[in-house]
Amino acid sequence: MVENAALASGFTYVGHATRVVFGIGAVAALADEIDRLSLRRVLVLSTPEQRETALDIAGAIHGRIGGVFAEARMHVPIEVATRARAYAREIGADGALAIGGGSTVGLGKAIALETGLPVVAVPTTYAGSEMTTIYGLTQDAVKTTGRDDRVLPKTVVYDPMLTVSLSPALSAVSGLNAIAHAVEGLYAVDANPIVTMLAEECIRALASALPVVVRTPDDLEARSACLYGAWLGGTVLGAVSMALHHKLCHTLGGTFDLPHAETHAVVLPHALEFNAPSAPDAMVRIARALGTADAVEGLHALARRLNIPTSLRELGMRAEDLDRAADLAVTVPYPNPRPFDRAAIRALLERAYGGSAVAA
């Protein structure tokens, strides 16, 4: 078996120490978790749209709120990070409480990267970035990413109740974002049996629960399964290198300001189709987790069931920007199972732009 062969040949796995509190109503433990870290002047972070929700949740920590910064934005623009860092210093914050999705958690990481402040994350989407040492910053329309242990949240509180208000459309694309982490973890250059196990379970959990959430948004069992899958996907993302798909999405999001989760959802089947010939074992596992005969068609079928955008054009990408996107995507490339050149990436982007099905 492949698993036994991997064990016989040996592997390296690096785990990261984050305390996770998971369950319906888990947010009630937030005050205790803040106390565990001995935090007394916490900076609460959110997007402008989630400010009131964040304040409601943060109310559980009573007099330990030092300030609120509700300016988180997609792809963490450097100017937003700079303002947040300055505000953290101004109020004498001893920690950050990030309540929201990947944009808010990313802002918490940007603060931690410079200040070393501990971050507590309360995810309200399925981004999964709360489980990684990966940070991203966008400057001059270019998004750069890196890894640093300082940005890993000390504690993550997963409460499915907090995701019930996430719309079916956003739930669907956020879940596919998490699936993308798992997919690329299966054929990562540093993949290993532990990550493989987590990745397949992530895809299975999300693929089975997302259609239920889209039909019945208040189904807490399905919401719990999605958040569990997101946790696993984030763990995979944090444990191994990502490949072509993530490079493309970082390029499209950082430079062309395309929405993060939606971009992952659109690009994933096309990136997977490109890599399929060079990652046969991953394709078998993905198809098995999706409950289909073919991994790529299975992802296209899942997208159709979830009724989400299937083309970059729908996300606001302009046809005249595809050439620049291809140029940027081949600079500082991520390790990938299948070699590629600019022409191959340009063709892939063309298919993703039009939303065309799998190439023959």
Protein backbone atom coordinates (compact mmCIF):
# COMPACT_ATOMS: atom_id res chain seq x y z
CA MET A 1 0.00 0.00 0.00
CA VAL A 2 1.06 3.59 -0.59
CA GLU A 3 0.72 4.41 3.11
CA ASN A 4 3.11 1.62 4.08
CA ALA A 5 5.60 2.68 1.42
CA ALA A 6 5.58 6.22 2.81
CA LEU A 7 6.16 4.91 6.31
CA ALA A 8 9.02 2.70 5.17
CA SER A 9 10.77 5.53 3.35
CA GLY A 10 10.45 7.91 6.30
CA PHE A 11 9.11 11.44 6.51
CA THR A 12 9.30 14.68 8.48
CA TYR A 13 6.27 16.22 10.15
CA VAL A 14 6.33 19.54 11.99
CA GLY A 15 3.44 20.16 14.36
CA HIS A 16 2.48 23.58 15.72
CA ALA A 17 1.26 24.18 19.26
CA THR A 18 -2.11 25.91 19.22
CA ARG A 19 -4.74 25.34 21.88
CA VAL A 20 -8.10 24.58 20.26
CA VAL A 21 -11.47 24.85 21.98
CA PHE A 22 -14.17 23.37 19.73
CA GLY A 23 -17.90 22.93 20.08
CA ILE A 24 -21.35 24.45 20.01
CA GLY A 25 -21.28 27.22 22.61
CA ALA A 26 -17.46 27.13 22.88
CA VAL A 27 -17.31 30.92 22.75
CA ALA A 28 -18.55 30.92 26.35
CA ALA A 29 -15.02 29.81 27.29
CA LEU A 30 -13.44 32.92 25.75
CA ALA A 31 -12.96 34.74 29.06
CA ASP A 32 -11.23 31.69 30.56
CA GLU A 33 -8.94 31.44 27.53
CA ILE A 34 -8.00 35.12 27.83
CA ASP A 35 -7.24 34.52 31.52
CA ARG A 36 -5.06 31.51 30.66
CA LEU A 37 -2.85 33.86 28.67
CA SER A 38 -2.91 36.50 31.45
CA LEU A 39 -4.13 39.17 29.04
CA ARG A 40 -5.46 42.42 30.49
CA ARG A 41 -5.54 44.94 27.61
CA VAL A 42 -6.78 43.11 24.55
CA LEU A 43 -7.07 44.72 21.12
CA VAL A 44 -10.25 43.47 19.43
CA LEU A 45 -9.96 43.11 15.64
CA SER A 46 -12.66 42.81 12.99
CA THR A 47 -13.73 44.03 9.59
CA PRO A 48 -15.95 47.14 9.50
CA GLU A 49 -18.95 44.95 8.66
CA GLN A 50 -18.40 42.65 11.65
CA ARG A 51 -17.64 45.33 14.24
CA GLU A 52 -20.88 44.94 16.21
CA THR A 53 -20.71 41.15 16.10
CA ALA A 54 -17.12 41.25 17.32
CA LEU A 55 -18.05 43.57 20.17
CA ASP A 56 -20.92 41.30 21.18
CA ILE A 57 -18.57 38.30 21.32
CA ALA A 58 -15.77 40.25 23.01
CA GLY A 59 -18.21 41.40 25.68
CA ALA A 60 -17.51 38.10 27.39
CA ILE A 61 -14.07 39.35 28.45
CA HIS A 62 -15.58 42.32 30.28
CA GLY A 63 -13.03 44.93 31.36
CA ARG A 64 -10.09 43.44 29.52
CA ILE A 65 -10.77 45.19 26.18
CA GLY A 66 -8.09 47.81 25.62
CA GLY A 67 -9.38 48.98 22.25
CA VAL A 68 -11.15 48.05 19.02
CA PHE A 69 -9.68 48.19 15.50
CA ALA A 70 -12.39 47.37 12.97
CA GLU A 71 -10.53 48.03 9.73
CA ALA A 72 -9.44 44.54 8.62
CA ARG A 73 -9.43 44.13 4.84
CA MET A 74 -8.76 41.33 2.38
CA HIS A 75 -5.12 40.51 1.66
CA VAL A 76 -3.94 42.72 4.59
CA PRO A 77 -2.86 45.96 2.90
CA ILE A 78 0.38 47.18 4.49
CA GLU A 79 -1.17 50.56 5.32
CA VAL A 80 -3.90 48.86 7.38
CA ALA A 81 -1.34 46.71 9.17
CA THR A 82 0.77 49.80 9.94
CA ARG A 83 -2.20 51.63 11.48
CA ALA A 84 -3.19 48.59 13.52
CA ARG A 85 0.33 48.13 14.86
CA ALA A 86 0.53 51.80 15.84
CA TYR A 87 -2.84 51.60 17.59
CA ALA A 88 -1.78 48.48 19.49
CA ARG A 89 1.26 50.34 20.80
CA GLU A 90 -0.82 53.44 21.58
CA ILE A 91 -3.26 51.57 23.84
CA GLY A 92 -0.58 49.37 25.40
CA ALA A 93 -2.21 46.16 24.13
CA ASP A 94 -0.86 42.91 25.55
CA GLY A 95 -2.72 40.69 23.08
CA ALA A 96 -5.05 40.67 20.07
CA LEU A 97 -8.46 39.03 19.75
CA ALA A 98 -9.25 38.40 16.06
CA ILE A 99 -12.96 37.75 15.50
CA GLY A 100 -13.96 36.98 11.92
CA GLY A 101 -12.52 35.37 8.81
CA GLY A 102 -9.15 35.21 7.13
CA SER A 103 -8.86 38.98 6.69
CA THR A 104 -9.18 39.62 10.42
CA VAL A 105 -6.96 36.73 11.45
CA GLY A 106 -4.43 37.95 8.87
CA LEU A 107 -4.43 41.39 10.46
CA GLY A 108 -3.82 39.83 13.87
CA LYS A 109 -0.86 37.99 12.39
CA ALA A 110 0.52 41.20 10.89
CA ILE A 111 0.43 42.79 14.34
CA ALA A 112 2.05 39.76 15.97
CA LEU A 113 4.78 39.65 13.32
CA GLU A 114 6.09 43.06 14.38
CA THR A 115 5.10 43.24 18.04
CA GLY A 116 5.13 39.62 19.19
CA LEU A 117 1.70 40.06 20.82
CA PRO A 118 -0.21 36.80 21.34
CA VAL A 119 -3.26 36.31 19.16
CA VAL A 120 -6.51 34.60 20.12
CA ALA A 121 -8.66 33.74 17.09
CA VAL A 122 -12.42 33.24 16.96
CA PRO A 123 -13.14 32.19 13.35
CA THR A 124 -16.53 32.93 11.79
CA THR A 125 -15.68 31.48 8.36
CA TYR A 126 -13.92 28.37 7.06
CA ALA A 127 -10.65 30.08 6.03
CA GLY A 128 -8.41 27.93 8.24
CA SER A 129 -5.58 30.47 8.39
CA GLU A 130 -5.87 30.55 12.17
CA MET A 131 -4.06 27.20 12.27
CA THR A 132 -0.96 28.33 10.38
CA THR A 133 2.27 30.26 10.80
CA ILE A 134 1.66 31.80 7.36
CA TYR A 135 1.15 35.54 7.06
CA GLY A 136 0.45 37.71 4.02
CA LEU A 137 0.85 41.42 3.34
CA THR A 138 -0.04 43.41 0.22
CA GLN A 139 2.02 46.41 -0.82
CA ASP A 140 2.01 48.22 -4.17
CA ALA A 141 -0.54 45.70 -5.48
CA VAL A 142 1.74 42.72 -4.79
CA LYS A 143 0.91 40.19 -2.10
CA THR A 144 3.82 38.49 -0.38
CA THR A 145 3.60 35.63 2.09
CA GLY A 146 5.93 34.18 4.65
CA ARG A 147 6.06 31.88 7.64
CA ASP A 148 6.93 32.90 11.18
CA ASP A 149 6.11 31.12 14.44
CA ARG A 150 5.26 34.45 16.09
CA VAL A 151 2.05 34.84 14.06
CA LEU A 152 0.48 31.51 15.03
CA PRO A 153 -2.53 32.16 17.29
CA LYS A 154 -2.01 30.88 20.81
CA THR A 155 -5.64 29.82 21.13
CA VAL A 156 -8.41 29.19 18.60
CA VAL A 157 -12.04 29.04 19.70
CA TYR A 158 -14.24 27.23 17.18
CA ASP A 159 -17.96 27.69 17.80
CA PRO A 160 -20.26 26.49 14.98
CA MET A 161 -22.97 28.82 16.31
CA LEU A 162 -20.90 31.78 15.11
CA THR A 163 -21.01 30.53 11.50
CA VAL A 164 -24.79 30.20 11.24
CA SER A 165 -25.08 33.82 10.08
CA LEU A 166 -22.55 33.21 7.29
CA SER A 167 -24.62 33.29 4.12
CA PRO A 168 -24.97 30.10 2.04
CA ALA A 169 -22.97 31.71 -0.79
CA LEU A 170 -20.08 32.75 1.45
CA SER A 171 -20.20 29.43 3.31
CA ALA A 172 -19.80 27.59 0.01
CA VAL A 173 -16.79 29.52 -1.28
CA SER A 174 -15.17 29.63 2.15
CA GLY A 175 -15.51 25.87 2.41
CA LEU A 176 -13.94 25.38 -1.02
CA ASN A 177 -11.07 27.60 0.11
CA ALA A 178 -10.47 25.12 2.94
CA ILE A 179 -10.72 22.20 0.51
CA ALA A 180 -8.02 23.88 -1.61
CA HIS A 181 -5.63 23.72 1.35
CA ALA A 182 -6.22 20.00 1.65
CA VAL A 183 -5.97 19.33 -2.07
CA GLU A 184 -2.57 20.97 -2.34
CA GLY A 185 -1.41 19.30 0.86
CA LEU A 186 -1.92 15.92 -0.81
CA TYR A 187 0.64 16.64 -3.53
CA ALA A 188 2.91 19.03 -1.62
CA VAL A 189 6.63 18.61 -2.10
CA ASP A 190 6.90 17.87 1.63
CA ALA A 191 3.70 15.85 1.99
CA ASN A 192 3.67 13.08 4.57
CA PRO A 193 1.24 10.40 5.83
CA ILE A 194 -0.05 12.55 8.70
CA VAL A 195 -0.94 15.45 6.43
CA THR A 196 -2.41 13.04 3.87
CA MET A 197 -4.77 11.61 6.47
CA LEU A 198 -5.87 15.07 7.64
CA ALA A 199 -6.30 16.33 4.09
CA GLU A 200 -8.53 13.51 2.93
CA GLU A 201 -10.70 13.84 6.04
CA CYS A 202 -10.96 17.60 5.48
CA ILE A 203 -12.24 17.14 1.93
CA ARG A 204 -14.68 14.43 3.00
CA ALA A 205 -16.14 16.49 5.84
CA LEU A 206 -16.59 19.65 3.80
CA ALA A 207 -17.82 18.00 0.61
CA SER A 208 -20.56 16.20 2.52
CA ALA A 209 -21.59 19.09 4.78
CA LEU A 210 -21.44 22.13 2.48
CA PRO A 211 -24.48 21.16 0.37
CA VAL A 212 -26.46 20.74 3.59
CA VAL A 213 -25.37 24.17 4.86
CA VAL A 214 -26.36 25.78 1.55
CA ARG A 215 -29.83 24.20 1.76
CA THR A 216 -30.28 24.60 5.52
CA PRO A 217 -27.99 27.32 6.91
CA ASP A 218 -29.02 26.75 10.53
CA ASP A 219 -28.17 23.03 10.55
CA LEU A 220 -25.69 22.95 13.44
CA GLU A 221 -24.51 19.41 12.71
CA ALA A 222 -23.50 20.43 9.19
CA ARG A 223 -22.02 23.70 10.44
CA SER A 224 -19.96 21.73 12.95
CA ALA A 225 -18.69 19.40 10.23
CA CYS A 226 -17.70 22.37 8.05
CA LEU A 227 -15.81 24.06 10.88
CA TYR A 228 -14.10 20.75 11.71
CA GLY A 229 -13.08 20.42 8.06
CA ALA A 230 -11.79 23.99 8.03
CA TRP A 231 -9.67 23.24 11.10
CA LEU A 232 -8.16 20.23 9.36
CA GLY A 233 -7.58 22.18 6.14
CA GLY A 234 -5.84 24.94 8.04
CA THR A 235 -3.67 22.40 9.83
CA VAL A 236 -2.63 20.97 6.46
CA LEU A 237 -1.92 24.44 5.12
CA GLY A 238 0.30 25.15 8.11
CA ALA A 239 2.19 21.85 7.96
CA VAL A 240 3.40 21.66 4.35
CA SER A 241 4.22 23.81 1.34
CA MET A 242 1.50 24.92 -1.01
CA ALA A 243 1.77 24.73 -4.79
CA LEU A 244 0.56 26.34 -8.03
CA HIS A 245 -3.05 26.86 -6.97
CA HIS A 246 -2.10 29.04 -4.01
CA LYS A 247 0.44 30.99 -6.05
CA LEU A 248 -2.24 31.80 -8.60
CA CYS A 249 -4.75 32.85 -5.95
CA HIS A 250 -2.24 35.03 -4.12
CA THR A 251 -1.42 36.71 -7.42
CA LEU A 252 -5.03 37.23 -8.45
CA GLY A 253 -6.10 38.43 -5.04
CA GLY A 254 -3.17 40.66 -4.14
CA THR A 255 -2.68 42.33 -7.51
CA PHE A 256 -6.20 42.42 -8.91
CA ASP A 257 -8.10 42.60 -5.60
CA LEU A 258 -10.30 39.63 -6.39
CA PRO A 259 -12.26 38.20 -3.44
CA HIS A 260 -10.14 35.64 -1.64
CA ALA A 261 -12.43 32.65 -1.07
CA GLU A 262 -14.26 33.04 -4.38
CA THR A 263 -10.96 33.07 -6.25
CA HIS A 264 -9.90 29.82 -4.58
CA ALA A 265 -13.23 28.26 -5.48
CA VAL A 266 -12.94 29.23 -9.16
CA VAL A 267 -9.28 28.36 -9.69
CA LEU A 268 -9.10 25.06 -7.78
CA PRO A 269 -10.56 22.64 -10.37
CA HIS A 270 -8.38 24.14 -13.11
CA ALA A 271 -5.19 23.96 -11.07
CA LEU A 272 -6.07 20.41 -10.07
CA GLU A 273 -6.71 19.42 -13.68
CA PHE A 274 -3.29 20.79 -14.63
CA ASN A 275 -1.52 18.85 -11.87
CA ALA A 276 -3.53 15.62 -12.22
CA PRO A 277 -1.08 13.78 -14.52
CA SER A 278 1.75 14.31 -12.03
CA ALA A 279 -0.19 13.49 -8.84
CA PRO A 280 -2.15 10.27 -9.44
CA ASP A 281 -2.27 9.17 -5.81
CA ALA A 282 -3.64 12.56 -4.75
CA MET A 283 -6.32 12.30 -7.44
CA VAL A 284 -7.45 8.93 -6.11
CA ARG A 285 -7.71 10.29 -2.58
CA ILE A 286 -9.55 13.46 -3.63
CA ALA A 287 -12.06 11.49 -5.70
CA ARG A 288 -12.60 9.08 -2.81
CA ALA A 289 -13.19 11.94 -0.38
CA LEU A 290 -15.61 13.60 -2.80
CA GLY A 291 -17.43 10.34 -3.42
CA THR A 292 -16.85 10.54 -7.18
CA ALA A 293 -14.95 8.61 -9.82
CA ASP A 294 -12.86 11.58 -10.99
CA ALA A 295 -11.32 14.25 -8.75
CA VAL A 296 -11.51 17.16 -11.19
CA GLU A 297 -15.04 16.51 -12.37
CA GLY A 298 -15.99 15.94 -8.74
CA LEU A 299 -14.87 19.45 -7.84
CA HIS A 300 -16.72 20.94 -10.82
CA ALA A 301 -19.83 19.00 -9.76
CA LEU A 302 -19.53 20.22 -6.16
CA ALA A 303 -19.28 23.82 -7.36
CA ARG A 304 -22.42 23.34 -9.44
CA ARG A 305 -24.29 21.87 -6.47
CA LEU A 306 -23.28 24.84 -4.34
CA ASN A 307 -24.30 27.32 -7.05
CA ILE A 308 -21.15 29.41 -6.72
CA PRO A 309 -19.25 31.49 -9.30
CA THR A 310 -17.24 29.31 -11.69
CA SER A 311 -15.26 31.90 -13.64
CA LEU A 312 -12.80 34.69 -12.91
CA ARG A 313 -14.88 36.87 -15.19
CA GLU A 314 -17.76 36.64 -12.70
CA LEU A 315 -15.41 37.87 -9.97
CA GLY A 316 -14.49 41.03 -11.88
CA MET A 317 -11.27 39.90 -13.56
CA ARG A 318 -10.61 41.70 -16.86
CA ALA A 319 -9.50 39.72 -19.90
CA GLU A 320 -6.77 42.28 -20.61
CA ASP A 321 -5.19 41.50 -17.20
CA LEU A 322 -4.66 37.79 -17.86
CA ASP A 323 -1.26 38.35 -19.45
CA ARG A 324 0.01 40.30 -16.46
CA ALA A 325 -1.37 37.65 -14.11
CA ALA A 326 0.52 34.96 -16.03
CA ASP A 327 3.73 37.01 -15.86
CA LEU A 328 3.42 37.43 -12.10
CA ALA A 329 2.44 33.81 -11.45
CA VAL A 330 5.70 32.47 -12.86
CA THR A 331 7.84 34.77 -10.71
CA VAL A 332 9.08 33.19 -7.48
CA PRO A 333 7.01 30.05 -8.17
CA TYR A 334 5.87 27.72 -5.41
CA PRO A 335 7.04 24.08 -5.67
CA ASN A 336 4.61 22.14 -7.84
CA PRO A 337 4.29 18.46 -8.82
CA ARG A 338 4.10 19.32 -12.52
CA PRO A 339 6.60 21.70 -14.14
CA PHE A 340 5.08 24.66 -15.96
CA ASP A 341 5.97 27.64 -18.09
CA ARG A 342 4.22 30.91 -18.79
CA ALA A 343 2.28 29.50 -21.75
CA ALA A 344 0.79 26.73 -19.61
CA ILE A 345 -0.22 29.18 -16.88
CA ARG A 346 -1.71 31.58 -19.42
CA ALA A 347 -3.84 28.75 -20.82
CA LEU A 348 -4.92 27.70 -17.32
CA LEU A 349 -5.95 31.27 -16.49
CA GLU A 350 -7.87 31.50 -19.76
CA ARG A 351 -9.91 28.44 -18.82
CA ALA A 352 -10.53 29.79 -15.31
CA TYR A 353 -11.51 33.16 -16.76
CA GLY A 354 -14.15 31.63 -18.99
CA GLY A 355 -15.23 29.01 -16.49
CA SER A 356 -14.73 26.27 -19.05
CA ALA A 357 -14.92 22.70 -17.89
CA VAL A 358 -12.03 20.31 -17.80
CA ALA A 359 -9.75 20.42 -20.83
CA ALA A 360 -9.78 17.39 -23.04
